[in-house]
Amino acid sequence: MLIGLLTAVAASICYGTGSVLQAVGSRRSARQQAAAAGVTQHGGPSLSSTAKAAMTWEFIVGTILDFVGFGLGALAARLLPLFLSQTVISANLVITAVLSVRMLGIRLTRPEWASIAVVCSSLVLLATAAGPEGSGDTPISTHWWLLAIAVLLMAGGTVVVRLMGSRAAILAGLLSGLGFGALGVGVRVLNGIDPFDLGALLSDPALYAILVAGIGGMYLHTVALQIGSVNGATAALVVGETVLPGMIGVLWLGDSSRPGFAWAAILGFVLAVAGAVAVAWFGAPEAHGDEVRPEAEPELTTAR
């Protein structure tokens, strides 16, 4: 349990730092592309502008951290109940919020800080209540369903987000979170890991669900960071990657809480989601009465 928790915390730090670095690169690219009409007719970023955002050094470093976080998160998903591993990993929202103050020049309001405190408190409850993780053994038909859902979410979500354009930041964040949540479930049920069997691994639809959900989730997260509040988009991602995987872990994969601590697990889970939604609400530009607009060029050289 302790190794799993430490792994999940490390994954959270990698993801949170990576999100801010990706936001810096994405927004710098978005400002440069705006003058060159690098947007769709609906006001969202074009494919070329998103690709160019991925080529900035900040985005590349952030992506490397994401891959490290993915590896650590995958290990945590095998060692902990999904409702605990996914929620601890989603605490990268706190890292994102704190670093965005310095690197993106964002000033957090008291409600945002209070919401972050709620998320942190909920993690303590969840860690206290978590029991043994389930086996993850599921019929192969479930793996095919996971692949179909991942394709539908990522392909359909990409189309909807592009049609909505600049209004789709929170939706893109939510869809990317659902993608990462599907990724977590896929890692948990993946065949051919223990014991290792390359044939079983390559023939498992869950492996391809992981690839589709991971790539699609990363693309939608990039779009969300380009067009909306980094804290709001990340909070929406938290909801997507936490709620459904947690429910699936309990209902179908055998995850459970410690005897007598079910109330703490439920309360912690609800508070975690509520806190993330609150950060999404208070972090959105509309909540402050501002229009969505590019932020000032971040000063990265002044930090010591």
Foldseek 3Di string as FASTA:
>chain_A
DVLLLVLLLLLLLLQLQLLQLLLLLLLVLLVVCVVVVQADPLAFGHPVSLVNSCVDPSNVSSVVSNVSSVVSLLVSLQWFQQLLSLLSSLLSLVSNVVVCVAFVVDDDDPLLVVLNVLSVVLNVLQVQWWDGFFQLADDLVVLVVLQVVLCCLLVVLVVVDSNNHLVCLLVLLLSLLLLLLSLSSLSSNAPQVVVHDVVSRVPRSSNVSNVSSNVSSVSSSSRSSNRWQSSLSSLSSSLNNNDVSNVCRVPPRPTGTDVPSPVSNVVSSVSNNVSSNSSNQCRTCVNVVDDTDRGDNTDPVVDD
